[in-house]
Amino acid sequence: MEESAVKKPENKSEKGPKKKGKVYKIIVKVIDYVLIAFIAIIAILEIIGFATKSSNFNVPNIGGYQFLTVATDSMAYDENGNEVYPVGIGLICKKVDMEEIAVGDDITFYAESFGAPVVNGVCTITHRVYEIEYYTGTQNIKDFKCHGINVNSSNFTPSQTQVVTPELVLGEIVGTSQFMGNFVTAMQQWWVVLLLVVVPAGIIAISSVVDIIKVKNTPEAELEAKYGDGNNDNTKPEDPEDPLSNISEEDRKALREQMIKEMLNSKKKGDN
C-alpha cells in the first residue's frame, strides 16, 4: 500500500507574530528617519537665519524670503473695511529689485528712524506705497512714500507718512499665512527651539537604546543566523532547498562558467 505525502499545514500562529514584528521595525525606522530629517531642517534654518540676520536688519533671510508677524493693526483693514493683514498673521516678504516695486504695493522696511518699537529684536514696518520719488531727470528711485491703510487704527493719523530710502527696504509682501505667523512667533522663543530639537532627539535615543537591549538579549546563534558571524566571508545562510546557498558569489560565478564550457563542449561533440 502506497502512502501519499501529506503536506504539513503552515503554522499561521508562528507567521503572525513574525510579520507583525517586521512591520513594527519598519514603522520605528520610518519614524526615526522622519525625526532625524526634522531635526536637520530645524538646524539648517536656524544656521541660515543666524548667518543672514546681521546683514538684513536682524531679520533672517532664507533664499531671498523673510517671514514676519504682524504686530499692530495699521494694515489690518483697508478703507472699504476688507481684512488685509490682521494682527498675528504671518507675512512672506520677498527680496526684489527696487524697480519692481510700484505704487499700491506693500513693502517691509527697517523702521528705527520712524520710532517703531523693537519686537523680539526686530524693528520693521509693513506699509503701502502711495508715491515713488525719483532723482531729477533719472529713473533712479530716491525714496518710497508709505503709510498705513487702516483708518480705524489707534495709530492712524491723516498725516501718517514714512519716507523710505531704498537701502532700508527689506522687500515686497508676496503672501500671508496664519500658520507661518504662529510658527515664526513660536520660533522666536528659545525654549520652543530647544524643545523641537530635544524631544525628537530623545525619542531617537530611546529607540536606539531599546534596539541595543534587544540585540544584547538575543542569543548569539540567532544573531549569526540572521546577520552572519561577522567574518565577511560573503556567504549566505544555508537553504535546505538550495544546495548552492552556502557557497560564495565567486564560487557561483566560477561554477556557472564551468557549466557553460561543458555545455559548449558537449554541443561540439554532438555536432561532430
C-alpha atoms as a PDB file:
ATOM      1  CA  MET A   1       0.000   0.000   0.000  1.00  0.00           C
ATOM      2  CA  GLU A   2       1.441   3.315  -1.106  1.00  0.00           C
ATOM      3  CA  GLU A   3       1.306   6.247   1.208  1.00  0.00           C
ATOM      4  CA  SER A   4       0.888   9.709  -0.272  1.00  0.00           C
ATOM      5  CA  ALA A   5       2.913  12.539   1.184  1.00  0.00           C
ATOM      6  CA  VAL A   6       0.780  14.806   3.301  1.00  0.00           C
ATOM      7  CA  LYS A   7       1.752  18.484   3.235  1.00  0.00           C
ATOM      8  CA  LYS A   8       2.201  19.809   6.710  1.00  0.00           C
ATOM      9  CA  PRO A   9      -0.119  22.741   7.303  1.00  0.00           C
ATOM     10  CA  GLU A  10       1.525  26.062   7.908  1.00  0.00           C
ATOM     11  CA  ASN A  11       1.583  27.259  11.441  1.00  0.00           C
ATOM     12  CA  LYS A  12      -0.129  30.611  10.984  1.00  0.00           C
ATOM     13  CA  SER A  13       0.278  31.437  14.640  1.00  0.00           C
ATOM     14  CA  GLU A  14       4.066  31.461  14.140  1.00  0.00           C
ATOM     15  CA  LYS A  15       3.982  33.628  10.995  1.00  0.00           C
ATOM     16  CA  GLY A  16       1.662  36.211  12.511  1.00  0.00           C
ATOM     17  CA  PRO A  17       3.986  37.493  15.247  1.00  0.00           C
ATOM     18  CA  LYS A  18       6.960  37.485  12.848  1.00  0.00           C
ATOM     19  CA  LYS A  19       5.059  39.564  10.308  1.00  0.00           C
ATOM     20  CA  LYS A  20       3.889  41.992  12.973  1.00  0.00           C
ATOM     21  CA  GLY A  21       7.452  42.272  14.262  1.00  0.00           C
ATOM     22  CA  LYS A  22       8.751  43.207  10.803  1.00  0.00           C
ATOM     23  CA  VAL A  23       6.005  45.826  10.334  1.00  0.00           C
ATOM     24  CA  TYR A  24       6.815  47.298  13.765  1.00  0.00           C
ATOM     25  CA  LYS A  25      10.520  47.540  12.903  1.00  0.00           C
ATOM     26  CA  ILE A  26       9.739  49.294   9.617  1.00  0.00           C
ATOM     27  CA  ILE A  27       7.461  51.800  11.368  1.00  0.00           C
ATOM     28  CA  VAL A  28      10.110  52.526  14.003  1.00  0.00           C
ATOM     29  CA  LYS A  29      12.769  53.067  11.323  1.00  0.00           C
ATOM     30  CA  VAL A  30      10.497  55.401   9.344  1.00  0.00           C
ATOM     31  CA  ILE A  31       9.742  57.443  12.485  1.00  0.00           C
ATOM     32  CA  ASP A  32      13.470  57.663  13.250  1.00  0.00           C
ATOM     33  CA  TYR A  33      14.249  58.915   9.736  1.00  0.00           C
ATOM     34  CA  VAL A  34      11.422  61.471   9.865  1.00  0.00           C
ATOM     35  CA  LEU A  35      12.613  62.796  13.236  1.00  0.00           C
ATOM     36  CA  ILE A  36      16.223  62.990  12.031  1.00  0.00           C
ATOM     37  CA  ALA A  37      15.107  64.899   8.924  1.00  0.00           C
ATOM     38  CA  PHE A  38      13.001  67.238  11.092  1.00  0.00           C
ATOM     39  CA  ILE A  39      15.933  67.992  13.400  1.00  0.00           C
ATOM     40  CA  ALA A  40      18.183  68.585  10.383  1.00  0.00           C
ATOM     41  CA  ILE A  41      15.699  71.037   8.814  1.00  0.00           C
ATOM     42  CA  ILE A  42      15.304  72.998  12.061  1.00  0.00           C
ATOM     43  CA  ALA A  43      19.091  73.131  12.493  1.00  0.00           C
ATOM     44  CA  ILE A  44      19.658  74.280   8.895  1.00  0.00           C
ATOM     45  CA  LEU A  45      17.002  77.019   9.163  1.00  0.00           C
ATOM     46  CA  GLU A  46      18.482  78.247  12.437  1.00  0.00           C
ATOM     47  CA  ILE A  47      22.005  78.321  10.976  1.00  0.00           C
ATOM     48  CA  ILE A  48      20.908  80.170   7.817  1.00  0.00           C
ATOM     49  CA  GLY A  49      18.824  82.602   9.873  1.00  0.00           C
ATOM     50  CA  PHE A  50      21.685  83.332  12.249  1.00  0.00           C
ATOM     51  CA  ALA A  51      24.151  83.819   9.393  1.00  0.00           C
ATOM     52  CA  THR A  52      21.925  86.260   7.442  1.00  0.00           C
ATOM     53  CA  LYS A  53      20.421  88.342  10.248  1.00  0.00           C
ATOM     54  CA  SER A  54      23.387  90.660  10.726  1.00  0.00           C
ATOM     55  CA  SER A  55      23.207  91.960   7.136  1.00  0.00           C
ATOM     56  CA  ASN A  56      19.408  92.159   6.993  1.00  0.00           C
ATOM     57  CA  PHE A  57      18.332  94.351   9.918  1.00  0.00           C
ATOM     58  CA  ASN A  58      18.228  91.350  12.268  1.00  0.00           C
ATOM     59  CA  VAL A  59      15.651  89.563  10.097  1.00  0.00           C
ATOM     60  CA  PRO A  60      16.564  86.041   8.846  1.00  0.00           C
ATOM     61  CA  ASN A  61      16.780  85.816   5.055  1.00  0.00           C
ATOM     62  CA  ILE A  62      16.173  82.315   3.718  1.00  0.00           C
ATOM     63  CA  GLY A  63      16.671  82.065  -0.020  1.00  0.00           C
ATOM     64  CA  GLY A  64      15.531  85.642  -0.600  1.00  0.00           C
ATOM     65  CA  TYR A  65      12.439  85.307   1.587  1.00  0.00           C
ATOM     66  CA  GLN A  66      11.773  86.711   5.048  1.00  0.00           C
ATOM     67  CA  PHE A  67       8.971  85.652   7.358  1.00  0.00           C
ATOM     68  CA  LEU A  68       7.497  88.180   9.762  1.00  0.00           C
ATOM     69  CA  THR A  69       4.479  88.503  12.025  1.00  0.00           C
ATOM     70  CA  VAL A  70       2.138  91.491  12.095  1.00  0.00           C
ATOM     71  CA  ALA A  71       2.354  93.227  15.488  1.00  0.00           C
ATOM     72  CA  THR A  72      -0.003  96.222  15.037  1.00  0.00           C
ATOM     73  CA  ASP A  73      -3.330  96.941  13.306  1.00  0.00           C
ATOM     74  CA  SER A  74      -2.156  99.701  10.937  1.00  0.00           C
ATOM     75  CA  MET A  75      -2.696  97.356   7.958  1.00  0.00           C
ATOM     76  CA  ALA A  76      -5.494  95.216   9.397  1.00  0.00           C
ATOM     77  CA  TYR A  77      -8.282  96.627   7.158  1.00  0.00           C
ATOM     78  CA  ASP A  78      -8.417  98.776   4.061  1.00  0.00           C
ATOM     79  CA  GLU A  79     -10.625 101.853   3.536  1.00  0.00           C
ATOM     80  CA  ASN A  80     -13.515  99.590   2.466  1.00  0.00           C
ATOM     81  CA  GLY A  81     -13.348  97.518   5.647  1.00  0.00           C
ATOM     82  CA  ASN A  82     -11.806  94.459   3.942  1.00  0.00           C
ATOM     83  CA  GLU A  83      -9.369  92.484   6.066  1.00  0.00           C
ATOM     84  CA  VAL A  84      -5.784  92.750   4.819  1.00  0.00           C
ATOM     85  CA  TYR A  85      -3.121  91.944   7.450  1.00  0.00           C
ATOM     86  CA  PRO A  86      -4.706  91.271  10.867  1.00  0.00           C
ATOM     87  CA  VAL A  87      -2.525  91.228  13.973  1.00  0.00           C
ATOM     88  CA  GLY A  88      -0.714  87.907  14.352  1.00  0.00           C
ATOM     89  CA  ILE A  89      -0.804  86.804  10.716  1.00  0.00           C
ATOM     90  CA  GLY A  90       2.446  85.808   9.020  1.00  0.00           C
ATOM     91  CA  LEU A  91       3.833  87.863   6.141  1.00  0.00           C
ATOM     92  CA  ILE A  92       6.000  86.464   3.360  1.00  0.00           C
ATOM     93  CA  CYS A  93       8.388  89.210   2.266  1.00  0.00           C
ATOM     94  CA  LYS A  94      10.449  88.691  -0.887  1.00  0.00           C
ATOM     95  CA  LYS A  95      13.690  90.419  -1.852  1.00  0.00           C
ATOM     96  CA  VAL A  96      13.057  92.243  -5.157  1.00  0.00           C
ATOM     97  CA  ASP A  97      14.726  94.856  -7.295  1.00  0.00           C
ATOM     98  CA  MET A  98      13.563  98.312  -6.256  1.00  0.00           C
ATOM     99  CA  GLU A  99      12.359  98.966  -9.830  1.00  0.00           C
ATOM    100  CA  GLU A 100       9.808  96.145  -9.427  1.00  0.00           C
ATOM    101  CA  ILE A 101       8.013  97.957  -6.606  1.00  0.00           C
ATOM    102  CA  ALA A 102       5.033 100.013  -7.765  1.00  0.00           C
ATOM    103  CA  VAL A 103       2.506 102.338  -6.183  1.00  0.00           C
ATOM    104  CA  GLY A 104      -0.049 100.231  -4.298  1.00  0.00           C
ATOM    105  CA  ASP A 105       2.450  97.530  -3.303  1.00  0.00           C
ATOM    106  CA  ASP A 106       3.077  96.702   0.347  1.00  0.00           C
ATOM    107  CA  ILE A 107       6.695  96.756   1.455  1.00  0.00           C
ATOM    108  CA  THR A 108       8.551  95.970   4.662  1.00  0.00           C
ATOM    109  CA  PHE A 109      11.288  98.353   5.757  1.00  0.00           C
ATOM    110  CA  TYR A 110      13.635  98.954   8.659  1.00  0.00           C
ATOM    111  CA  ALA A 111      11.883 101.477  10.878  1.00  0.00           C
ATOM    112  CA  GLU A 112      14.107 102.552  13.763  1.00  0.00           C
ATOM    113  CA  SER A 113      14.246 106.130  12.459  1.00  0.00           C
ATOM    114  CA  PHE A 114      10.429 106.224  12.397  1.00  0.00           C
ATOM    115  CA  GLY A 115      10.123 105.409  16.089  1.00  0.00           C
ATOM    116  CA  ALA A 116       8.816 101.881  15.597  1.00  0.00           C
ATOM    117  CA  PRO A 117       9.111  99.543  18.618  1.00  0.00           C
ATOM    118  CA  VAL A 118      11.605  96.688  18.651  1.00  0.00           C
ATOM    119  CA  VAL A 119       9.735  93.372  18.846  1.00  0.00           C
ATOM    120  CA  ASN A 120      11.871  90.271  19.529  1.00  0.00           C
ATOM    121  CA  GLY A 121      14.938  92.102  18.263  1.00  0.00           C
ATOM    122  CA  VAL A 122      13.239  93.187  15.007  1.00  0.00           C
ATOM    123  CA  CYS A 123      12.295  96.778  14.182  1.00  0.00           C
ATOM    124  CA  THR A 124      10.320  96.799  10.917  1.00  0.00           C
ATOM    125  CA  ILE A 125       7.115  98.258   9.487  1.00  0.00           C
ATOM    126  CA  THR A 126       4.980  96.955   6.633  1.00  0.00           C
ATOM    127  CA  HIS A 127       3.049  99.742   4.897  1.00  0.00           C
ATOM    128  CA  ARG A 128       1.637 100.541   1.472  1.00  0.00           C
ATOM    129  CA  VAL A 129       3.492 102.600  -1.151  1.00  0.00           C
ATOM    130  CA  TYR A 130       1.422 105.569  -2.326  1.00  0.00           C
ATOM    131  CA  GLU A 131       4.145 107.539  -4.108  1.00  0.00           C
ATOM    132  CA  ILE A 132       7.612 106.909  -5.566  1.00  0.00           C
ATOM    133  CA  GLU A 133      10.055 109.797  -5.923  1.00  0.00           C
ATOM    134  CA  TYR A 134      12.897 109.710  -8.456  1.00  0.00           C
ATOM    135  CA  TYR A 135      16.088 111.687  -8.705  1.00  0.00           C
ATOM    136  CA  THR A 136      15.616 114.609 -11.074  1.00  0.00           C
ATOM    137  CA  GLY A 137      15.942 113.639 -14.703  1.00  0.00           C
ATOM    138  CA  THR A 138      16.557 109.931 -13.962  1.00  0.00           C
ATOM    139  CA  GLN A 139      14.686 106.699 -13.340  1.00  0.00           C
ATOM    140  CA  ASN A 140      16.716 106.074 -10.193  1.00  0.00           C
ATOM    141  CA  ILE A 141      14.481 105.772  -7.148  1.00  0.00           C
ATOM    142  CA  LYS A 142      15.136 108.314  -4.436  1.00  0.00           C
ATOM    143  CA  ASP A 143      12.546 107.099  -1.919  1.00  0.00           C
ATOM    144  CA  PHE A 144       9.167 105.476  -1.340  1.00  0.00           C
ATOM    145  CA  LYS A 145       6.385 107.323   0.471  1.00  0.00           C
ATOM    146  CA  CYS A 146       4.360 104.875   2.566  1.00  0.00           C
ATOM    147  CA  HIS A 147       1.563 104.846   5.131  1.00  0.00           C
ATOM    148  CA  GLY A 148      -0.826 102.503   6.902  1.00  0.00           C
ATOM    149  CA  ILE A 149      -4.288 101.883   5.427  1.00  0.00           C
ATOM    150  CA  ASN A 150      -6.438 101.170   8.491  1.00  0.00           C
ATOM    151  CA  VAL A 151      -8.173 104.483   9.227  1.00  0.00           C
ATOM    152  CA  ASN A 152      -9.631 102.988  12.415  1.00  0.00           C
ATOM    153  CA  SER A 153      -6.231 102.113  13.833  1.00  0.00           C
ATOM    154  CA  SER A 154      -5.310 103.761  17.118  1.00  0.00           C
ATOM    155  CA  ASN A 155      -2.009 104.780  15.480  1.00  0.00           C
ATOM    156  CA  PHE A 156      -3.563 106.266  12.355  1.00  0.00           C
ATOM    157  CA  THR A 157      -3.339 109.965  11.609  1.00  0.00           C
ATOM    158  CA  PRO A 158      -4.114 111.706   8.291  1.00  0.00           C
ATOM    159  CA  SER A 159      -0.505 112.886   8.056  1.00  0.00           C
ATOM    160  CA  GLN A 160       0.994 109.463   8.839  1.00  0.00           C
ATOM    161  CA  THR A 161       3.752 109.037   6.267  1.00  0.00           C
ATOM    162  CA  GLN A 162       7.150 107.368   6.088  1.00  0.00           C
ATOM    163  CA  VAL A 163       9.715 108.457   3.510  1.00  0.00           C
ATOM    164  CA  VAL A 164      11.716 105.270   2.987  1.00  0.00           C
ATOM    165  CA  THR A 165      15.005 105.176   1.103  1.00  0.00           C
ATOM    166  CA  PRO A 166      15.749 102.012  -0.958  1.00  0.00           C
ATOM    167  CA  GLU A 167      18.545 100.807   1.355  1.00  0.00           C
ATOM    168  CA  LEU A 168      16.021 100.433   4.193  1.00  0.00           C
ATOM    169  CA  VAL A 169      13.637  98.211   2.203  1.00  0.00           C
ATOM    170  CA  LEU A 170      13.692  94.509   3.099  1.00  0.00           C
ATOM    171  CA  GLY A 171      11.311  93.513   0.311  1.00  0.00           C
ATOM    172  CA  GLU A 172       7.781  93.301  -1.035  1.00  0.00           C
ATOM    173  CA  ILE A 173       4.930  91.349   0.581  1.00  0.00           C
ATOM    174  CA  VAL A 174       4.003  88.442  -1.710  1.00  0.00           C
ATOM    175  CA  GLY A 175       1.822  86.332   0.576  1.00  0.00           C
ATOM    176  CA  THR A 176       0.339  85.692   4.003  1.00  0.00           C
ATOM    177  CA  SER A 177      -0.071  82.640   6.223  1.00  0.00           C
ATOM    178  CA  GLN A 178      -1.636  82.277   9.651  1.00  0.00           C
ATOM    179  CA  PHE A 179       0.341  79.071  10.224  1.00  0.00           C
ATOM    180  CA  MET A 180       3.564  80.865   9.313  1.00  0.00           C
ATOM    181  CA  GLY A 181       2.693  83.660  11.724  1.00  0.00           C
ATOM    182  CA  ASN A 182       2.212  81.195  14.575  1.00  0.00           C
ATOM    183  CA  PHE A 183       5.392  79.343  13.615  1.00  0.00           C
ATOM    184  CA  VAL A 184       7.527  82.496  13.448  1.00  0.00           C
ATOM    185  CA  THR A 185       6.166  83.665  16.800  1.00  0.00           C
ATOM    186  CA  ALA A 186       6.932  80.288  18.368  1.00  0.00           C
ATOM    187  CA  MET A 187      10.424  80.073  16.858  1.00  0.00           C
ATOM    188  CA  GLN A 188      11.331  83.386  18.458  1.00  0.00           C
ATOM    189  CA  GLN A 189      11.139  81.633  21.850  1.00  0.00           C
ATOM    190  CA  TRP A 190      14.399  79.860  22.705  1.00  0.00           C
ATOM    191  CA  TRP A 191      12.641  77.139  24.695  1.00  0.00           C
ATOM    192  CA  VAL A 192      10.467  76.225  21.683  1.00  0.00           C
ATOM    193  CA  VAL A 193      13.557  75.707  19.507  1.00  0.00           C
ATOM    194  CA  LEU A 194      15.161  73.662  22.254  1.00  0.00           C
ATOM    195  CA  LEU A 195      12.016  71.564  22.632  1.00  0.00           C
ATOM    196  CA  LEU A 196      11.819  70.910  18.887  1.00  0.00           C
ATOM    197  CA  VAL A 197      15.342  69.501  18.980  1.00  0.00           C
ATOM    198  CA  VAL A 198      15.460  67.777  22.377  1.00  0.00           C
ATOM    199  CA  VAL A 199      12.169  65.831  22.107  1.00  0.00           C
ATOM    200  CA  PRO A 200      12.875  64.207  18.683  1.00  0.00           C
ATOM    201  CA  ALA A 201      16.490  63.535  19.703  1.00  0.00           C
ATOM    202  CA  GLY A 202      15.255  61.917  22.930  1.00  0.00           C
ATOM    203  CA  ILE A 203      12.859  59.658  21.013  1.00  0.00           C
ATOM    204  CA  ILE A 204      15.653  58.562  18.672  1.00  0.00           C
ATOM    205  CA  ALA A 205      17.979  57.919  21.626  1.00  0.00           C
ATOM    206  CA  ILE A 206      15.360  55.816  23.446  1.00  0.00           C
ATOM    207  CA  SER A 207      14.671  53.839  20.262  1.00  0.00           C
ATOM    208  CA  SER A 208      18.411  53.171  19.853  1.00  0.00           C
ATOM    209  CA  VAL A 209      18.754  52.036  23.472  1.00  0.00           C
ATOM    210  CA  VAL A 210      15.810  49.653  23.039  1.00  0.00           C
ATOM    211  CA  ASP A 211      17.443  48.184  19.912  1.00  0.00           C
ATOM    212  CA  ILE A 212      20.750  47.724  21.770  1.00  0.00           C
ATOM    213  CA  ILE A 213      18.998  45.939  24.651  1.00  0.00           C
ATOM    214  CA  LYS A 214      17.164  43.669  22.218  1.00  0.00           C
ATOM    215  CA  VAL A 215      20.425  42.743  20.478  1.00  0.00           C
ATOM    216  CA  LYS A 216      22.118  42.137  23.821  1.00  0.00           C
ATOM    217  CA  ASN A 217      19.317  39.786  24.937  1.00  0.00           C
ATOM    218  CA  THR A 218      19.185  37.890  21.632  1.00  0.00           C
ATOM    219  CA  PRO A 219      21.037  34.536  21.605  1.00  0.00           C
ATOM    220  CA  GLU A 220      24.285  34.604  19.647  1.00  0.00           C
ATOM    221  CA  ALA A 221      23.206  31.724  17.415  1.00  0.00           C
ATOM    222  CA  GLU A 222      20.101  33.634  16.372  1.00  0.00           C
ATOM    223  CA  LEU A 223      22.145  36.746  15.577  1.00  0.00           C
ATOM    224  CA  GLU A 224      24.616  34.726  13.483  1.00  0.00           C
ATOM    225  CA  ALA A 225      21.768  33.080  11.585  1.00  0.00           C
ATOM    226  CA  LYS A 226      20.246  36.481  10.898  1.00  0.00           C
ATOM    227  CA  TYR A 227      23.275  38.675  10.242  1.00  0.00           C
ATOM    228  CA  GLY A 228      26.199  36.271   9.806  1.00  0.00           C
ATOM    229  CA  ASP A 229      29.179  35.622  12.073  1.00  0.00           C
ATOM    230  CA  GLY A 230      30.935  38.909  11.243  1.00  0.00           C
ATOM    231  CA  ASN A 231      33.829  37.362   9.287  1.00  0.00           C
ATOM    232  CA  ASN A 232      32.734  38.964   5.987  1.00  0.00           C
ATOM    233  CA  ASP A 233      33.155  35.667   4.108  1.00  0.00           C
ATOM    234  CA  ASN A 234      30.424  36.722   1.619  1.00  0.00           C
ATOM    235  CA  THR A 235      28.475  33.520   2.283  1.00  0.00           C
ATOM    236  CA  LYS A 236      24.734  33.258   2.679  1.00  0.00           C
ATOM    237  CA  PRO A 237      22.757  31.256   5.258  1.00  0.00           C
ATOM    238  CA  GLU A 238      22.268  27.690   4.153  1.00  0.00           C
ATOM    239  CA  ASP A 239      18.924  26.968   2.471  1.00  0.00           C
ATOM    240  CA  PRO A 240      17.854  23.270   2.581  1.00  0.00           C
ATOM    241  CA  GLU A 241      16.027  23.678  -0.738  1.00  0.00           C
ATOM    242  CA  ASP A 242      19.031  25.257  -2.465  1.00  0.00           C
ATOM    243  CA  PRO A 243      22.214  23.140  -2.422  1.00  0.00           C
ATOM    244  CA  LEU A 244      24.241  26.138  -3.634  1.00  0.00           C
ATOM    245  CA  SER A 245      23.041  28.524  -0.913  1.00  0.00           C
ATOM    246  CA  ASN A 246      26.133  28.096   1.266  1.00  0.00           C
ATOM    247  CA  ILE A 247      28.759  28.975  -1.342  1.00  0.00           C
ATOM    248  CA  SER A 248      30.132  32.428  -2.112  1.00  0.00           C
ATOM    249  CA  GLU A 249      29.272  34.545  -5.140  1.00  0.00           C
ATOM    250  CA  GLU A 250      32.753  33.983  -6.590  1.00  0.00           C
ATOM    251  CA  ASP A 251      32.305  30.224  -6.419  1.00  0.00           C
ATOM    252  CA  ARG A 252      28.857  30.543  -8.008  1.00  0.00           C
ATOM    253  CA  LYS A 253      30.321  32.562 -10.873  1.00  0.00           C
ATOM    254  CA  ALA A 254      33.143  30.032 -11.438  1.00  0.00           C
ATOM    255  CA  LEU A 255      30.620  27.182 -11.363  1.00  0.00           C
ATOM    256  CA  ARG A 256      28.410  28.902 -13.959  1.00  0.00           C
ATOM    257  CA  GLU A 257      31.387  29.460 -16.277  1.00  0.00           C
ATOM    258  CA  GLN A 258      32.403  25.814 -15.929  1.00  0.00           C
ATOM    259  CA  MET A 259      28.864  24.625 -16.726  1.00  0.00           C
ATOM    260  CA  ILE A 260      28.723  26.849 -19.817  1.00  0.00           C
ATOM    261  CA  LYS A 261      32.037  25.468 -21.062  1.00  0.00           C
ATOM    262  CA  GLU A 262      30.855  21.878 -20.546  1.00  0.00           C
ATOM    263  CA  MET A 263      27.609  22.612 -22.418  1.00  0.00           C
ATOM    264  CA  LEU A 264      29.546  24.117 -25.352  1.00  0.00           C
ATOM    265  CA  ASN A 265      31.954  21.155 -25.448  1.00  0.00           C
ATOM    266  CA  SER A 266      29.036  18.707 -25.389  1.00  0.00           C
ATOM    267  CA  LYS A 267      27.379  20.556 -28.247  1.00  0.00           C
ATOM    268  CA  LYS A 268      30.598  20.477 -30.328  1.00  0.00           C
ATOM    269  CA  LYS A 269      30.950  16.746 -29.764  1.00  0.00           C
ATOM    270  CA  GLY A 270      27.344  16.209 -30.789  1.00  0.00           C
ATOM    271  CA  ASP A 271      27.856  18.186 -33.988  1.00  0.00           C
ATOM    272  CA  ASN A 272      30.857  16.056 -34.872  1.00  0.00           C
END
